[in-house]
Amino acid sequence: MAEPLFFMDGDGPAYSQVREAIARPILAGRLQPGDRIPPEQELVGLFAVSRMTVNRALRSLVEQGLITRRPRLGTVVARQLGEHAVLQIDDPEVEVTSEGARYSFERLERSVLRADASLALELQAPGGAELVHVRCLHRSDGAPFLLEDRYINVGAVPRVREESFASISPIRWLLDEVPGYAAEHVIQAVAADGETASRLQLSEGAPCLLVQRRTWRAETFVTAVSLYYPGDRHRLTGVFGPALRGRGLDPRATRSERGHRRSPAPPRRRP
């Protein structure tokens, strides 16, 4: 029996599943540039989710360049498709609560500094840029879930000067404040140093999954973050490939997964 064109796999937040269900046939070449995507109301019925959830998924696909939305003409697969990697770092609160767990976070540190030459080179940020440095620990049912170490460019997001991050996480705040950004990732396995191991309640040298993410908007550096996940509890999965006819790859959507029901898989490094 042929695999249905659109289907949800049951893993992750609903909007993420809808986004990946639509991206999957585009990346696999089953939908071609110019092909129509069903209207929102039809997708609501197909996936049994709210219209808000469908709308959020479609907006994400527009930002990724996979689809185009035109008033009165509907939604179609984008005409100009290059190579895409559907890698989404979701709000940790959404990841945790979607599995029925209790989410909490703690701000560990917040400071304001100027990027010296070494730090500017490491972050690929402007020399002398004013930065907010913030570190947070995200928890699931009280257990460490994610350690976040982030720099934010005050010149790109001036409102960050007044934000303490005492009651909202940097990830959640930036998702609300900086729409329409571009990002690149490096994913690697690392051994936890003493401080990281202590924060994540691991043995020193235990494996961690490190996702380094750099974000910019209109060629302006916005933020750089290192996200440390306990290696025995998380994994990132995905195959990256083009959405062009005749390339013959089998791309899958990529996301962060909690690994307590699966054995951990080795991460891939994006070139």
Protein backbone atom coordinates (compact mmCIF):
# COMPACT_ATOMS: atom_id res chain seq x y z
CA MET A 1 0.00 0.00 0.00
CA ALA A 2 1.35 3.43 -0.92
CA GLU A 3 2.34 5.72 1.94
CA PRO A 4 -0.17 8.59 2.37
CA LEU A 5 1.03 11.96 1.15
CA PHE A 6 0.50 13.72 4.48
CA PHE A 7 0.69 12.03 7.87
CA MET A 8 1.71 12.92 11.42
CA ASP A 9 4.25 10.68 13.13
CA GLY A 10 3.08 11.26 16.71
CA ASP A 11 6.37 12.74 17.97
CA GLY A 12 6.73 16.32 19.21
CA PRO A 13 4.40 19.33 19.42
CA ALA A 14 1.38 19.30 17.09
CA TYR A 15 2.51 22.27 14.97
CA SER A 16 5.93 20.63 14.49
CA GLN A 17 4.28 17.38 13.35
CA VAL A 18 2.07 19.30 10.88
CA ARG A 19 5.06 21.23 9.54
CA GLU A 20 7.06 18.04 9.03
CA ALA A 21 4.09 16.21 7.50
CA ILE A 22 3.88 18.89 4.80
CA ALA A 23 7.65 19.26 4.36
CA ARG A 24 8.21 15.51 3.98
CA PRO A 25 6.63 15.03 0.53
CA ILE A 26 8.18 18.30 -0.71
CA LEU A 27 11.69 17.24 0.28
CA ALA A 28 11.13 13.73 -1.08
CA GLY A 29 10.04 15.13 -4.46
CA ARG A 30 6.47 13.80 -4.24
CA LEU A 31 5.26 17.42 -4.44
CA GLN A 32 6.86 19.60 -7.10
CA PRO A 33 7.30 23.38 -7.38
CA GLY A 34 3.94 24.96 -8.11
CA ASP A 35 1.90 22.05 -6.70
CA ARG A 36 -0.92 23.18 -4.45
CA ILE A 37 -1.00 22.52 -0.70
CA PRO A 38 -4.52 21.85 0.67
CA PRO A 39 -6.21 24.92 2.19
CA GLU A 40 -5.96 25.54 5.93
CA GLN A 41 -9.45 24.30 6.73
CA GLU A 42 -8.82 21.02 4.91
CA LEU A 43 -5.54 20.57 6.79
CA VAL A 44 -7.36 21.22 10.09
CA GLY A 45 -9.66 18.30 9.33
CA LEU A 46 -6.90 16.08 7.95
CA PHE A 47 -4.65 16.42 11.00
CA ALA A 48 -7.40 16.97 13.62
CA VAL A 49 -5.69 20.08 15.02
CA SER A 50 -6.66 23.72 15.46
CA ARG A 51 -6.46 26.31 12.70
CA MET A 52 -3.89 28.20 14.78
CA THR A 53 -1.66 25.10 14.78
CA VAL A 54 -1.91 24.73 11.00
CA ASN A 55 -1.25 28.43 10.46
CA ARG A 56 1.88 28.30 12.63
CA ALA A 57 3.19 25.29 10.70
CA LEU A 58 2.59 26.98 7.34
CA ARG A 59 4.29 30.21 8.45
CA SER A 60 7.33 28.18 9.46
CA LEU A 61 7.44 26.49 6.04
CA VAL A 62 7.24 29.90 4.34
CA GLU A 63 10.24 31.09 6.40
CA GLN A 64 12.14 27.94 5.35
CA GLY A 65 11.42 28.71 1.69
CA LEU A 66 9.50 25.50 1.03
CA ILE A 67 6.10 27.01 0.27
CA THR A 68 4.60 30.28 -0.98
CA ARG A 69 1.29 31.70 0.23
CA ARG A 70 -0.66 34.03 -2.06
CA PRO A 71 -3.91 35.81 -1.12
CA ARG A 72 -6.90 34.31 -2.97
CA LEU A 73 -4.61 31.88 -4.83
CA GLY A 74 -3.78 29.59 -1.90
CA THR A 75 -0.57 27.86 -0.86
CA VAL A 76 1.84 26.20 -3.32
CA VAL A 77 5.26 24.58 -3.23
CA ALA A 78 7.89 27.29 -3.80
CA ARG A 79 9.13 27.71 -7.37
CA GLN A 80 12.80 28.11 -6.45
CA LEU A 81 13.91 25.26 -4.20
CA GLY A 82 17.49 24.75 -3.17
CA GLU A 83 18.80 22.36 -0.57
CA HIS A 84 16.95 22.45 2.72
CA ALA A 85 17.48 21.00 6.14
CA VAL A 86 14.36 21.08 8.28
CA LEU A 87 16.04 21.58 11.66
CA GLN A 88 13.83 23.23 14.23
CA ILE A 89 14.92 24.04 17.75
CA ASP A 90 11.59 24.22 19.56
CA ASP A 91 10.82 26.17 22.70
CA PRO A 92 11.87 23.80 25.54
CA GLU A 93 8.64 24.58 27.38
CA VAL A 94 6.67 23.26 24.39
CA GLU A 95 8.88 20.16 24.14
CA VAL A 96 8.47 19.35 27.85
CA THR A 97 4.77 20.09 28.28
CA SER A 98 3.84 18.27 25.06
CA GLU A 99 4.90 15.06 26.81
CA GLY A 100 2.83 15.83 29.89
CA ALA A 101 5.79 16.84 32.05
CA ARG A 102 6.14 19.94 34.22
CA TYR A 103 8.43 22.62 32.77
CA SER A 104 10.56 25.06 34.73
CA PHE A 105 13.69 27.08 34.12
CA GLU A 106 16.27 28.92 36.20
CA ARG A 107 18.37 31.87 35.11
CA LEU A 108 21.90 31.10 36.26
CA GLU A 109 23.68 34.23 35.05
CA ARG A 110 23.02 37.48 33.19
CA SER A 111 25.66 40.07 32.34
CA VAL A 112 26.36 42.80 29.78
CA LEU A 113 29.76 42.99 28.08
CA ARG A 114 31.59 44.20 25.00
CA ALA A 115 32.83 41.63 22.49
CA ASP A 116 36.62 41.65 22.48
CA ALA A 117 38.49 40.43 19.38
CA SER A 118 38.56 36.81 20.56
CA LEU A 119 34.86 36.63 21.44
CA ALA A 120 33.83 38.51 18.28
CA LEU A 121 35.75 35.96 16.20
CA GLU A 122 34.21 33.02 18.05
CA LEU A 123 30.65 34.36 17.67
CA GLN A 124 31.22 35.93 14.23
CA ALA A 125 29.88 39.12 15.80
CA PRO A 126 30.98 42.74 15.23
CA GLY A 127 34.06 43.69 17.23
CA GLY A 128 33.15 45.80 20.25
CA ALA A 129 29.45 44.89 19.98
CA GLU A 130 27.44 45.26 23.19
CA LEU A 131 26.20 41.78 24.17
CA VAL A 132 23.93 40.32 26.81
CA HIS A 133 25.29 37.02 28.09
CA VAL A 134 22.74 34.76 29.76
CA ARG A 135 22.88 31.17 30.99
CA CYS A 136 19.77 29.18 31.92
CA LEU A 137 18.92 25.67 33.04
CA HIS A 138 15.67 24.20 31.67
CA ARG A 139 14.05 21.36 33.63
CA SER A 140 11.49 18.63 32.99
CA ASP A 141 9.68 17.42 36.12
CA GLY A 142 12.52 18.94 38.11
CA ALA A 143 15.28 17.07 36.25
CA PRO A 144 17.82 18.90 34.04
CA PHE A 145 16.61 18.97 30.44
CA LEU A 146 18.79 21.56 28.70
CA LEU A 147 21.62 23.95 29.59
CA GLU A 148 21.49 27.15 27.52
CA ASP A 149 24.51 29.48 27.15
CA ARG A 150 23.61 32.48 24.97
CA TYR A 151 24.92 35.83 23.70
CA ILE A 152 22.46 38.41 22.29
CA ASN A 153 23.48 41.46 20.24
CA VAL A 154 22.00 44.56 21.89
CA GLY A 155 22.43 46.49 18.65
CA ALA A 156 20.13 44.04 16.85
CA VAL A 157 17.57 43.70 19.67
CA PRO A 158 17.75 46.86 21.84
CA ARG A 159 14.86 45.74 24.08
CA VAL A 160 17.10 43.02 25.52
CA ARG A 161 18.77 45.70 27.70
CA GLU A 162 15.64 45.84 29.85
CA GLU A 163 14.92 42.09 29.89
CA SER A 164 16.12 40.30 33.02
CA PHE A 165 15.11 36.77 31.86
CA ALA A 166 13.95 36.09 35.40
CA SER A 167 10.48 35.01 34.29
CA ILE A 168 10.88 34.15 30.59
CA SER A 169 13.57 32.06 28.92
CA PRO A 170 15.83 33.61 26.26
CA ILE A 171 14.62 31.06 23.69
CA ARG A 172 10.95 31.97 24.27
CA TRP A 173 11.70 35.71 24.35
CA LEU A 174 13.64 35.66 21.08
CA LEU A 175 10.97 33.59 19.31
CA ASP A 176 8.52 36.37 20.17
CA GLU A 177 10.84 39.33 19.51
CA VAL A 178 12.78 38.32 16.38
CA PRO A 179 10.57 36.82 13.64
CA GLY A 180 11.87 36.09 10.16
CA TYR A 181 15.44 35.23 11.09
CA ALA A 182 17.98 32.93 9.44
CA ALA A 183 20.09 30.45 11.38
CA GLU A 184 22.90 27.96 11.03
CA HIS A 185 23.73 25.00 13.27
CA VAL A 186 26.66 22.84 14.24
CA ILE A 187 25.75 19.60 16.02
CA GLN A 188 28.32 17.48 17.80
CA ALA A 189 28.86 15.03 20.64
CA VAL A 190 31.03 16.39 23.47
CA ALA A 191 32.20 15.23 26.88
CA ALA A 192 30.71 17.25 29.73
CA ASP A 193 33.21 19.39 31.59
CA GLY A 194 32.92 19.75 35.34
CA GLU A 195 30.49 22.67 35.42
CA THR A 196 28.27 21.35 32.61
CA ALA A 197 28.18 17.90 34.25
CA SER A 198 27.22 19.44 37.58
CA ARG A 199 24.39 21.49 36.06
CA LEU A 200 23.00 18.52 34.09
CA GLN A 201 23.52 16.08 36.98
CA LEU A 202 25.94 13.94 34.97
CA SER A 203 29.33 12.44 35.67
CA GLU A 204 32.22 14.55 34.43
CA GLY A 205 33.14 13.35 30.93
CA ALA A 206 29.63 11.95 30.27
CA PRO A 207 28.39 12.41 26.68
CA CYS A 208 26.37 15.51 25.83
CA LEU A 209 24.65 16.55 22.64
CA LEU A 210 25.80 20.09 21.81
CA VAL A 211 23.82 22.21 19.35
CA GLN A 212 25.53 25.49 18.47
CA ARG A 213 23.16 27.89 16.74
CA ARG A 214 23.99 31.29 15.23
CA THR A 215 21.13 33.56 14.17
CA TRP A 216 21.04 36.70 12.05
CA ARG A 217 18.47 38.95 10.41
CA ALA A 218 19.07 41.07 7.31
CA GLU A 219 22.81 40.30 7.61
CA THR A 220 22.89 41.59 11.22
CA PHE A 221 24.13 39.20 13.90
CA VAL A 222 21.36 38.61 16.45
CA THR A 223 22.37 35.79 18.80
CA ALA A 224 24.63 32.80 19.27
CA VAL A 225 23.83 29.97 21.63
CA SER A 226 25.24 26.68 22.83
CA LEU A 227 22.57 24.18 23.88
CA TYR A 228 23.77 21.22 25.96
CA TYR A 229 21.48 18.18 26.19
CA PRO A 230 22.23 15.10 28.33
CA GLY A 231 23.43 12.60 25.72
CA ASP A 232 21.57 9.62 27.17
CA ARG A 233 18.21 11.43 27.11
CA HIS A 234 18.14 13.22 23.75
CA ARG A 235 18.99 12.87 20.13
CA LEU A 236 18.65 14.81 16.89
CA THR A 237 17.58 12.84 13.84
CA GLY A 238 17.44 13.81 10.21
CA VAL A 239 18.55 13.31 6.67
CA PHE A 240 19.26 16.44 4.66
CA GLY A 241 18.50 16.58 0.96
CA PRO A 242 17.32 18.67 -1.96
CA ALA A 243 13.72 19.12 -2.94
CA LEU A 244 14.41 18.98 -6.66
CA ARG A 245 13.09 16.46 -9.16
CA GLY A 246 15.32 13.50 -9.95
CA ARG A 247 17.78 13.77 -7.07
CA GLY A 248 16.54 10.51 -5.54
CA LEU A 249 17.12 11.21 -1.84
CA ASP A 250 14.85 10.29 1.02
CA PRO A 251 14.87 13.30 3.36
CA ARG A 252 13.17 13.18 6.74
CA ALA A 253 12.27 16.08 8.96
CA THR A 254 14.75 16.85 11.70
CA ARG A 255 14.03 17.74 15.30
CA SER A 256 15.18 17.43 18.88
CA GLU A 257 13.79 14.30 20.51
CA ARG A 258 13.70 13.18 24.10
CA GLY A 259 15.39 9.82 24.13
CA HIS A 260 14.01 8.09 27.20
CA ARG A 261 12.02 5.75 24.92
CA ARG A 262 14.76 5.29 22.34
CA SER A 263 18.43 4.49 22.41
CA PRO A 264 20.55 7.59 21.64
CA ALA A 265 21.74 8.07 18.08
CA PRO A 266 24.98 9.76 17.02
CA PRO A 267 24.52 13.37 15.90
CA ARG A 268 25.36 14.66 12.44
CA ARG A 269 27.38 17.79 11.76
CA ARG A 270 25.93 20.13 9.18
CA PRO A 271 28.56 21.39 6.75
